């Protein structure tokens, strides 16, 4: 017997709404099936025994660089990277939709 879908069409609609994606109603079932397969695959990770995640030996750690401050070039870096400046600040496009 097939396992029930982990992701329902209502979940797909909610996620699409949160992500501001337009998904055609005819495609909702296919998205639900694909997302269910992804979630099911991720759930398989729970079956990996803890012993598989053994701590690395002390000598195997990634060496760290010293954390020393260095000049960030402030206004010079902003002038190079900002497409436009206004009153000394970099201007970026609005990323929040209307009403938010």
PDB file of N, CA and C in Angstrom:
ATOM      1  N   UNK A   1       0.847  -1.178   0.000  1.00  0.00           N
ATOM      2  CA  UNK A   1       0.000   0.000   0.000  1.00  0.00           C
ATOM      3  C   UNK A   1       0.894   1.244   0.000  1.00  0.00           C
ATOM      4  N   UNK A   2       0.546   2.235  -0.801  1.00  0.00           N
ATOM      5  CA  UNK A   2       1.340   3.460  -0.916  1.00  0.00           C
ATOM      6  C   UNK A   2       1.232   4.290   0.352  1.00  0.00           C
ATOM      7  N   UNK A   3       2.345   4.914   0.696  1.00  0.00           N
ATOM      8  CA  UNK A   3       2.382   5.790   1.868  1.00  0.00           C
ATOM      9  C   UNK A   3       1.603   7.067   1.562  1.00  0.00           C
ATOM     10  N   UNK A   4       0.834   7.589   2.528  1.00  0.00           N
ATOM     11  CA  UNK A   4       0.090   8.823   2.252  1.00  0.00           C
ATOM     12  C   UNK A   4       1.046   9.983   1.979  1.00  0.00           C
ATOM     13  N   UNK A   5       0.592  10.894   1.172  1.00  0.00           N
ATOM     14  CA  UNK A   5       1.422  12.044   0.809  1.00  0.00           C
ATOM     15  C   UNK A   5       1.739  12.881   2.034  1.00  0.00           C
ATOM     16  N   UNK A   6       3.000  13.270   2.147  1.00  0.00           N
ATOM     17  CA  UNK A   6       3.418  14.098   3.276  1.00  0.00           C
ATOM     18  C   UNK A   6       3.055  15.560   3.050  1.00  0.00           C
ATOM     19  N   UNK A   7       2.982  15.947   1.786  1.00  0.00           N
ATOM     20  CA  UNK A   7       2.687  17.340   1.437  1.00  0.00           C
ATOM     21  C   UNK A   7       1.357  17.365   0.692  1.00  0.00           C
ATOM     22  N   UNK A   8       0.380  18.024   1.272  1.00  0.00           N
ATOM     23  CA  UNK A   8      -0.941  18.101   0.658  1.00  0.00           C
ATOM     24  C   UNK A   8      -1.012  19.291  -0.302  1.00  0.00           C
ATOM     25  N   UNK A   9      -2.000  19.307  -1.178  1.00  0.00           N
ATOM     26  CA  UNK A   9      -2.179  20.468  -2.048  1.00  0.00           C
ATOM     27  C   UNK A   9      -2.338  21.775  -1.263  1.00  0.00           C
ATOM     28  N   UNK A  10      -2.975  21.723  -0.093  1.00  0.00           N
ATOM     29  CA  UNK A  10      -3.120  22.935   0.723  1.00  0.00           C
ATOM     30  C   UNK A  10      -1.754  23.442   1.208  1.00  0.00           C
ATOM     31  N   UNK A  11      -0.864  22.518   1.538  1.00  0.00           N
ATOM     32  CA  UNK A  11       0.486  22.908   1.966  1.00  0.00           C
ATOM     33  C   UNK A  11       1.216  23.568   0.799  1.00  0.00           C
ATOM     34  N   UNK A  12       1.079  23.004  -0.398  1.00  0.00           N
ATOM     35  CA  UNK A  12       1.717  23.593  -1.586  1.00  0.00           C
ATOM     36  C   UNK A  12       1.204  25.007  -1.810  1.00  0.00           C
ATOM     37  N   UNK A  13      -0.101  25.200  -1.699  1.00  0.00           N
ATOM     38  CA  UNK A  13      -0.663  26.540  -1.888  1.00  0.00           C
ATOM     39  C   UNK A  13      -0.109  27.528  -0.853  1.00  0.00           C
ATOM     40  N   UNK A  14      -0.018  27.082   0.401  1.00  0.00           N
ATOM     41  CA  UNK A  14       0.485  27.951   1.467  1.00  0.00           C
ATOM     42  C   UNK A  14       1.952  28.313   1.240  1.00  0.00           C
ATOM     43  N   UNK A  15       2.778  27.318   0.889  1.00  0.00           N
ATOM     44  CA  UNK A  15       4.199  27.576   0.648  1.00  0.00           C
ATOM     45  C   UNK A  15       4.363  28.496  -0.561  1.00  0.00           C
ATOM     46  N   UNK A  16       3.604  28.248  -1.610  1.00  0.00           N
ATOM     47  CA  UNK A  16       3.676  29.099  -2.799  1.00  0.00           C
ATOM     48  C   UNK A  16       3.284  30.533  -2.447  1.00  0.00           C
ATOM     49  N   UNK A  17       2.262  30.687  -1.616  1.00  0.00           N
ATOM     50  CA  UNK A  17       1.840  32.024  -1.193  1.00  0.00           C
ATOM     51  C   UNK A  17       2.936  32.715  -0.388  1.00  0.00           C
ATOM     52  N   UNK A  18       3.537  31.989   0.556  1.00  0.00           N
ATOM     53  CA  UNK A  18       4.610  32.560   1.364  1.00  0.00           C
ATOM     54  C   UNK A  18       5.819  32.942   0.518  1.00  0.00           C
ATOM     55  N   UNK A  19       6.095  32.130  -0.513  1.00  0.00           N
ATOM     56  CA  UNK A  19       7.242  32.392  -1.385  1.00  0.00           C
ATOM     57  C   UNK A  19       6.884  33.334  -2.526  1.00  0.00           C
ATOM     58  N   UNK A  20       5.637  33.777  -2.540  1.00  0.00           N
ATOM     59  CA  UNK A  20       5.138  34.658  -3.597  1.00  0.00           C
ATOM     60  C   UNK A  20       5.345  34.045  -4.989  1.00  0.00           C
ATOM     61  N   UNK A  21       5.004  32.752  -5.092  1.00  0.00           N
ATOM     62  CA  UNK A  21       5.077  32.039  -6.356  1.00  0.00           C
ATOM     63  C   UNK A  21       3.669  31.819  -6.891  1.00  0.00           C
ATOM     64  N   UNK A  22       3.532  31.922  -8.179  1.00  0.00           N
ATOM     65  CA  UNK A  22       2.251  31.587  -8.807  1.00  0.00           C
ATOM     66  C   UNK A  22       2.348  30.159  -9.342  1.00  0.00           C
ATOM     67  N   UNK A  23       1.515  29.282  -8.814  1.00  0.00           N
ATOM     68  CA  UNK A  23       1.487  27.894  -9.265  1.00  0.00           C
ATOM     69  C   UNK A  23       0.093  27.643  -9.825  1.00  0.00           C
ATOM     70  N   UNK A  24       0.056  27.205 -11.074  1.00  0.00           N
ATOM     71  CA  UNK A  24      -1.239  26.913 -11.706  1.00  0.00           C
ATOM     72  C   UNK A  24      -1.939  25.800 -10.935  1.00  0.00           C
ATOM     73  N   UNK A  25      -3.230  25.926 -10.782  1.00  0.00           N
ATOM     74  CA  UNK A  25      -4.005  24.934 -10.032  1.00  0.00           C
ATOM     75  C   UNK A  25      -3.797  23.529 -10.603  1.00  0.00           C
ATOM     76  N   UNK A  26      -3.640  23.425 -11.920  1.00  0.00           N
ATOM     77  CA  UNK A  26      -3.425  22.127 -12.552  1.00  0.00           C
ATOM     78  C   UNK A  26      -2.079  21.513 -12.148  1.00  0.00           C
ATOM     79  N   UNK A  27      -1.149  22.323 -11.679  1.00  0.00           N
ATOM     80  CA  UNK A  27       0.189  21.852 -11.306  1.00  0.00           C
ATOM     81  C   UNK A  27       0.317  21.533  -9.808  1.00  0.00           C
ATOM     82  N   UNK A  28      -0.671  21.898  -9.016  1.00  0.00           N
ATOM     83  CA  UNK A  28      -0.595  21.734  -7.561  1.00  0.00           C
ATOM     84  C   UNK A  28      -0.337  20.271  -7.180  1.00  0.00           C
ATOM     85  N   UNK A  29      -1.033  19.350  -7.794  1.00  0.00           N
ATOM     86  CA  UNK A  29      -0.862  17.923  -7.475  1.00  0.00           C
ATOM     87  C   UNK A  29       0.546  17.443  -7.756  1.00  0.00           C
ATOM     88  N   UNK A  30       1.102  17.870  -8.879  1.00  0.00           N
ATOM     89  CA  UNK A  30       2.463  17.467  -9.238  1.00  0.00           C
ATOM     90  C   UNK A  30       3.478  18.039  -8.238  1.00  0.00           C
ATOM     91  N   UNK A  31       3.274  19.299  -7.852  1.00  0.00           N
ATOM     92  CA  UNK A  31       4.164  19.924  -6.862  1.00  0.00           C
ATOM     93  C   UNK A  31       4.069  19.181  -5.532  1.00  0.00           C
ATOM     94  N   UNK A  32       2.863  18.826  -5.125  1.00  0.00           N
ATOM     95  CA  UNK A  32       2.673  18.111  -3.860  1.00  0.00           C
ATOM     96  C   UNK A  32       3.415  16.779  -3.894  1.00  0.00           C
ATOM     97  N   UNK A  33       3.325  16.070  -5.004  1.00  0.00           N
ATOM     98  CA  UNK A  33       4.006  14.778  -5.141  1.00  0.00           C
ATOM     99  C   UNK A  33       5.524  14.956  -5.074  1.00  0.00           C
ATOM    100  N   UNK A  34       6.037  15.924  -5.803  1.00  0.00           N
ATOM    101  CA  UNK A  34       7.482  16.151  -5.818  1.00  0.00           C
ATOM    102  C   UNK A  34       7.995  16.594  -4.446  1.00  0.00           C
ATOM    103  N   UNK A  35       7.283  17.512  -3.795  1.00  0.00           N
ATOM    104  CA  UNK A  35       7.706  17.956  -2.466  1.00  0.00           C
ATOM    105  C   UNK A  35       7.599  16.829  -1.439  1.00  0.00           C
ATOM    106  N   UNK A  36       6.614  15.964  -1.593  1.00  0.00           N
ATOM    107  CA  UNK A  36       6.492  14.807  -0.695  1.00  0.00           C
ATOM    108  C   UNK A  36       7.699  13.890  -0.837  1.00  0.00           C
ATOM    109  N   UNK A  37       8.145  13.684  -2.075  1.00  0.00           N
ATOM    110  CA  UNK A  37       9.326  12.839  -2.298  1.00  0.00           C
ATOM    111  C   UNK A  37      10.561  13.469  -1.657  1.00  0.00           C
ATOM    112  N   UNK A  38      10.689  14.787  -1.761  1.00  0.00           N
ATOM    113  CA  UNK A  38      11.830  15.477  -1.169  1.00  0.00           C
ATOM    114  C   UNK A  38      11.787  15.347   0.356  1.00  0.00           C
ATOM    115  N   UNK A  39      10.629  15.591   0.949  1.00  0.00           N
ATOM    116  CA  UNK A  39      10.484  15.493   2.410  1.00  0.00           C
ATOM    117  C   UNK A  39      10.740  14.063   2.863  1.00  0.00           C
ATOM    118  N   UNK A  40      10.239  13.083   2.126  1.00  0.00           N
ATOM    119  CA  UNK A  40      10.457  11.681   2.464  1.00  0.00           C
ATOM    120  C   UNK A  40      11.940  11.344   2.438  1.00  0.00           C
ATOM    121  N   UNK A  41      12.638  11.846   1.443  1.00  0.00           N
ATOM    122  CA  UNK A  41      14.079  11.602   1.351  1.00  0.00           C
ATOM    123  C   UNK A  41      14.799  12.221   2.545  1.00  0.00           C
ATOM    124  N   UNK A  42      14.439  13.434   2.906  1.00  0.00           N
ATOM    125  CA  UNK A  42      15.065  14.095   4.052  1.00  0.00           C
ATOM    126  C   UNK A  42      14.764  13.325   5.337  1.00  0.00           C
ATOM    127  N   UNK A  43      13.543  12.786   5.454  1.00  0.00           N
ATOM    128  CA  UNK A  43      13.180  12.004   6.639  1.00  0.00           C
ATOM    129  C   UNK A  43      14.056  10.765   6.790  1.00  0.00           C
ATOM    130  N   UNK A  44      14.605  10.260   5.694  1.00  0.00           N
ATOM    131  CA  UNK A  44      15.473   9.084   5.759  1.00  0.00           C
ATOM    132  C   UNK A  44      16.745   9.375   6.553  1.00  0.00           C
ATOM    133  N   UNK A  45      17.124  10.631   6.624  1.00  0.00           N
ATOM    134  CA  UNK A  45      18.326  10.992   7.378  1.00  0.00           C
ATOM    135  C   UNK A  45      18.191  10.629   8.850  1.00  0.00           C
ATOM    136  N   UNK A  46      16.958  10.598   9.359  1.00  0.00           N
ATOM    137  CA  UNK A  46      16.735  10.252  10.767  1.00  0.00           C
ATOM    138  C   UNK A  46      17.137   8.807  11.047  1.00  0.00           C
ATOM    139  N   UNK A  47      17.189   7.959  10.017  1.00  0.00           N
ATOM    140  CA  UNK A  47      17.528   6.557  10.226  1.00  0.00           C
ATOM    141  C   UNK A  47      19.039   6.325  10.305  1.00  0.00           C
ATOM    142  N   UNK A  48      19.840   7.341  10.054  1.00  0.00           N
ATOM    143  CA  UNK A  48      21.296   7.202  10.146  1.00  0.00           C
ATOM    144  C   UNK A  48      21.673   7.178  11.619  1.00  0.00           C
ATOM    145  N   UNK A  49      22.412   6.151  12.054  1.00  0.00           N
ATOM    146  CA  UNK A  49      22.765   6.071  13.477  1.00  0.00           C
ATOM    147  C   UNK A  49      23.709   7.198  13.897  1.00  0.00           C
ATOM    148  N   UNK A  50      23.582   7.614  15.143  1.00  0.00           N
ATOM    149  CA  UNK A  50      24.424   8.684  15.676  1.00  0.00           C
ATOM    150  C   UNK A  50      25.909   8.365  15.534  1.00  0.00           C
ATOM    151  N   UNK A  51      26.250   7.093  15.612  1.00  0.00           N
ATOM    152  CA  UNK A  51      27.663   6.703  15.535  1.00  0.00           C
ATOM    153  C   UNK A  51      28.285   7.065  14.185  1.00  0.00           C
ATOM    154  N   UNK A  52      27.459   7.282  13.176  1.00  0.00           N
ATOM    155  CA  UNK A  52      27.974   7.669  11.857  1.00  0.00           C
ATOM    156  C   UNK A  52      28.515   9.089  11.875  1.00  0.00           C
ATOM    157  N   UNK A  53      28.143   9.847  12.890  1.00  0.00           N
ATOM    158  CA  UNK A  53      28.583  11.233  13.002  1.00  0.00           C
ATOM    159  C   UNK A  53      29.650  11.358  14.085  1.00  0.00           C
ATOM    160  N   UNK A  54      30.645  10.511  14.010  1.00  0.00           N
ATOM    161  CA  UNK A  54      31.711  10.506  15.021  1.00  0.00           C
ATOM    162  C   UNK A  54      32.455  11.831  15.006  1.00  0.00           C
ATOM    163  N   UNK A  55      32.930  12.222  16.168  1.00  0.00           N
ATOM    164  CA  UNK A  55      33.705  13.449  16.293  1.00  0.00           C
ATOM    165  C   UNK A  55      35.039  13.276  15.567  1.00  0.00           C
ATOM    166  N   UNK A  56      35.488  14.280  14.832  1.00  0.00           N
ATOM    167  CA  UNK A  56      36.785  14.164  14.171  1.00  0.00           C
ATOM    168  C   UNK A  56      37.920  14.186  15.200  1.00  0.00           C
ATOM    169  N   UNK A  57      39.015  13.571  14.833  1.00  0.00           N
ATOM    170  CA  UNK A  57      40.183  13.578  15.721  1.00  0.00           C
ATOM    171  C   UNK A  57      40.664  15.011  15.891  1.00  0.00           C
ATOM    172  N   UNK A  58      41.255  15.361  17.055  1.00  0.00           N
ATOM    173  CA  UNK A  58      41.676  16.747  17.299  1.00  0.00           C
ATOM    174  C   UNK A  58      42.578  17.324  16.211  1.00  0.00           C
ATOM    175  N   UNK A  59      43.432  16.525  15.612  1.00  0.00           N
ATOM    176  CA  UNK A  59      44.336  17.020  14.582  1.00  0.00           C
ATOM    177  C   UNK A  59      43.660  17.248  13.236  1.00  0.00           C
ATOM    178  N   UNK A  60      42.437  16.764  13.064  1.00  0.00           N
ATOM    179  CA  UNK A  60      41.740  16.871  11.782  1.00  0.00           C
ATOM    180  C   UNK A  60      40.955  18.165  11.613  1.00  0.00           C
ATOM    181  N   UNK A  61      40.937  18.984  12.643  1.00  0.00           N
ATOM    182  CA  UNK A  61      40.133  20.216  12.585  1.00  0.00           C
ATOM    183  C   UNK A  61      40.712  21.179  11.549  1.00  0.00           C
ATOM    184  N   UNK A  62      39.855  21.975  10.964  1.00  0.00           N
ATOM    185  CA  UNK A  62      40.289  22.986  10.013  1.00  0.00           C
ATOM    186  C   UNK A  62      41.031  24.080  10.758  1.00  0.00           C
ATOM    187  N   UNK A  63      42.243  24.404  10.313  1.00  0.00           N
ATOM    188  CA  UNK A  63      42.968  25.468  11.017  1.00  0.00           C
ATOM    189  C   UNK A  63      42.264  26.809  10.816  1.00  0.00           C
ATOM    190  N   UNK A  64      42.273  27.626  11.846  1.00  0.00           N
ATOM    191  CA  UNK A  64      41.614  28.919  11.790  1.00  0.00           C
ATOM    192  C   UNK A  64      42.641  30.018  11.558  1.00  0.00           C
ATOM    193  N   UNK A  65      42.263  31.022  10.821  1.00  0.00           N
ATOM    194  CA  UNK A  65      43.140  32.182  10.641  1.00  0.00           C
ATOM    195  C   UNK A  65      42.982  33.092  11.847  1.00  0.00           C
ATOM    196  N   UNK A  66      43.964  33.924  12.068  1.00  0.00           N
ATOM    197  CA  UNK A  66      43.839  34.866  13.169  1.00  0.00           C
ATOM    198  C   UNK A  66      42.774  35.893  12.821  1.00  0.00           C
ATOM    199  N   UNK A  67      42.026  36.288  13.811  1.00  0.00           N
ATOM    200  CA  UNK A  67      40.935  37.236  13.611  1.00  0.00           C
ATOM    201  C   UNK A  67      41.438  38.628  13.955  1.00  0.00           C
ATOM    202  N   UNK A  68      41.953  39.305  12.951  1.00  0.00           N
ATOM    203  CA  UNK A  68      42.502  40.637  13.167  1.00  0.00           C
ATOM    204  C   UNK A  68      41.724  41.644  12.332  1.00  0.00           C
ATOM    205  N   UNK A  69      41.408  42.796  12.904  1.00  0.00           N
ATOM    206  CA  UNK A  69      40.672  43.811  12.135  1.00  0.00           C
ATOM    207  C   UNK A  69      41.537  44.342  10.991  1.00  0.00           C
ATOM    208  N   UNK A  70      40.872  44.709   9.910  1.00  0.00           N
ATOM    209  CA  UNK A  70      41.563  45.332   8.788  1.00  0.00           C
ATOM    210  C   UNK A  70      40.636  46.374   8.182  1.00  0.00           C
ATOM    211  N   UNK A  71      41.198  47.344   7.500  1.00  0.00           N
ATOM    212  CA  UNK A  71      40.370  48.421   6.952  1.00  0.00           C
ATOM    213  C   UNK A  71      39.345  47.891   5.950  1.00  0.00           C
ATOM    214  N   UNK A  72      38.128  48.410   6.026  1.00  0.00           N
ATOM    215  CA  UNK A  72      37.068  47.976   5.127  1.00  0.00           C
ATOM    216  C   UNK A  72      36.848  48.910   3.953  1.00  0.00           C
ATOM    217  N   UNK A  73      37.535  50.026   3.905  1.00  0.00           N
ATOM    218  CA  UNK A  73      37.462  51.003   2.828  1.00  0.00           C
ATOM    219  C   UNK A  73      36.099  51.679   2.755  1.00  0.00           C
ATOM    220  N   UNK A  74      35.262  51.619   3.759  1.00  0.00           N
ATOM    221  CA  UNK A  74      33.977  52.299   3.913  1.00  0.00           C
ATOM    222  C   UNK A  74      33.364  52.945   2.694  1.00  0.00           C
ATOM    223  N   UNK A  75      33.467  54.283   2.593  1.00  0.00           N
ATOM    224  CA  UNK A  75      32.833  55.030   1.506  1.00  0.00           C
ATOM    225  C   UNK A  75      33.391  54.641   0.142  1.00  0.00           C
ATOM    226  N   UNK A  76      34.675  54.327   0.082  1.00  0.00           N
ATOM    227  CA  UNK A  76      35.280  53.933  -1.189  1.00  0.00           C
ATOM    228  C   UNK A  76      34.652  52.625  -1.699  1.00  0.00           C
ATOM    229  N   UNK A  77      34.486  51.645  -0.817  1.00  0.00           N
ATOM    230  CA  UNK A  77      33.869  50.371  -1.191  1.00  0.00           C
ATOM    231  C   UNK A  77      32.401  50.578  -1.566  1.00  0.00           C
ATOM    232  N   UNK A  78      31.692  51.433  -0.835  1.00  0.00           N
ATOM    233  CA  UNK A  78      30.296  51.725  -1.155  1.00  0.00           C
ATOM    234  C   UNK A  78      30.183  52.337  -2.540  1.00  0.00           C
ATOM    235  N   UNK A  79      31.057  53.286  -2.848  1.00  0.00           N
ATOM    236  CA  UNK A  79      31.026  53.940  -4.160  1.00  0.00           C
ATOM    237  C   UNK A  79      31.277  52.941  -5.284  1.00  0.00           C
ATOM    238  N   UNK A  80      32.125  51.955  -5.043  1.00  0.00           N
ATOM    239  CA  UNK A  80      32.420  50.942  -6.062  1.00  0.00           C
ATOM    240  C   UNK A  80      31.275  49.957  -6.252  1.00  0.00           C
ATOM    241  N   UNK A  81      30.504  49.691  -5.209  1.00  0.00           N
ATOM    242  CA  UNK A  81      29.520  48.617  -5.244  1.00  0.00           C
ATOM    243  C   UNK A  81      28.064  49.053  -5.335  1.00  0.00           C
ATOM    244  N   UNK A  82      27.742  50.243  -4.893  1.00  0.00           N
ATOM    245  CA  UNK A  82      26.345  50.687  -4.917  1.00  0.00           C
ATOM    246  C   UNK A  82      26.014  51.213  -6.306  1.00  0.00           C
ATOM    247  N   UNK A  83      24.901  50.762  -6.892  1.00  0.00           N
ATOM    248  CA  UNK A  83      24.541  51.260  -8.214  1.00  0.00           C
ATOM    249  C   UNK A  83      24.229  52.757  -8.210  1.00  0.00           C
ATOM    250  N   UNK A  84      23.752  53.242  -7.057  1.00  0.00           N
ATOM    251  CA  UNK A  84      23.381  54.648  -6.931  1.00  0.00           C
ATOM    252  C   UNK A  84      23.528  55.072  -5.479  1.00  0.00           C
ATOM    253  N   UNK A  85      23.851  56.336  -5.254  1.00  0.00           N
ATOM    254  CA  UNK A  85      23.957  56.852  -3.887  1.00  0.00           C
ATOM    255  C   UNK A  85      23.026  58.038  -3.730  1.00  0.00           C
ATOM    256  N   UNK A  86      22.484  58.180  -2.519  1.00  0.00           N
ATOM    257  CA  UNK A  86      21.606  59.293  -2.202  1.00  0.00           C
ATOM    258  C   UNK A  86      21.902  59.712  -0.770  1.00  0.00           C
ATOM    259  N   UNK A  87      22.273  60.970  -0.571  1.00  0.00           N
ATOM    260  CA  UNK A  87      22.602  61.499   0.758  1.00  0.00           C
ATOM    261  C   UNK A  87      23.691  60.665   1.447  1.00  0.00           C
ATOM    262  N   UNK A  88      24.640  60.150   0.671  1.00  0.00           N
ATOM    263  CA  UNK A  88      25.750  59.394   1.239  1.00  0.00           C
ATOM    264  C   UNK A  88      25.462  57.925   1.518  1.00  0.00           C
ATOM    265  N   UNK A  89      24.266  57.462   1.162  1.00  0.00           N
ATOM    266  CA  UNK A  89      23.903  56.064   1.389  1.00  0.00           C
ATOM    267  C   UNK A  89      23.718  55.369   0.053  1.00  0.00           C
ATOM    268  N   UNK A  90      23.949  54.040   0.031  1.00  0.00           N
ATOM    269  CA  UNK A  90      23.687  53.267  -1.169  1.00  0.00           C
ATOM    270  C   UNK A  90      22.197  53.068  -1.338  1.00  0.00           C
ATOM    271  N   UNK A  91      21.693  53.220  -2.555  1.00  0.00           N
ATOM    272  CA  UNK A  91      20.271  53.048  -2.850  1.00  0.00           C
ATOM    273  C   UNK A  91      20.073  51.657  -3.451  1.00  0.00           C
ATOM    274  N   UNK A  92      19.145  50.897  -2.893  1.00  0.00           N
ATOM    275  CA  UNK A  92      18.851  49.556  -3.395  1.00  0.00           C
ATOM    276  C   UNK A  92      17.366  49.477  -3.735  1.00  0.00           C
ATOM    277  N   UNK A  93      16.988  48.573  -4.642  1.00  0.00           N
ATOM    278  CA  UNK A  93      15.572  48.458  -4.987  1.00  0.00           C
ATOM    279  C   UNK A  93      14.758  47.875  -3.826  1.00  0.00           C
ATOM    280  N   UNK A  94      13.487  48.243  -3.765  1.00  0.00           N
ATOM    281  CA  UNK A  94      12.572  47.726  -2.748  1.00  0.00           C
ATOM    282  C   UNK A  94      12.371  46.234  -2.999  1.00  0.00           C
ATOM    283  N   UNK A  95      12.490  45.423  -1.952  1.00  0.00           N
ATOM    284  CA  UNK A  95      12.334  43.977  -2.108  1.00  0.00           C
ATOM    285  C   UNK A  95      11.088  43.422  -1.421  1.00  0.00           C
ATOM    286  N   UNK A  96      10.371  44.257  -0.698  1.00  0.00           N
ATOM    287  CA  UNK A  96       9.156  43.832  -0.011  1.00  0.00           C
ATOM    288  C   UNK A  96       7.973  44.203  -0.897  1.00  0.00           C
ATOM    289  N   UNK A  97       7.045  43.277  -1.051  1.00  0.00           N
ATOM    290  CA  UNK A  97       5.887  43.509  -1.897  1.00  0.00           C
ATOM    291  C   UNK A  97       4.979  44.590  -1.333  1.00  0.00           C
ATOM    292  N   UNK A  98       4.018  45.007  -2.118  1.00  0.00           N
ATOM    293  CA  UNK A  98       3.091  46.052  -1.665  1.00  0.00           C
ATOM    294  C   UNK A  98       2.282  45.582  -0.451  1.00  0.00           C
ATOM    295  N   UNK A  99       2.042  46.508   0.444  1.00  0.00           N
ATOM    296  CA  UNK A  99       1.214  46.195   1.611  1.00  0.00           C
ATOM    297  C   UNK A  99       1.984  45.566   2.757  1.00  0.00           C
ATOM    298  N   UNK A 100       3.292  45.392   2.624  1.00  0.00           N
ATOM    299  CA  UNK A 100       4.070  44.760   3.702  1.00  0.00           C
ATOM    300  C   UNK A 100       5.030  45.741   4.302  1.00  0.00           C
TER     301      UNK A 100
END
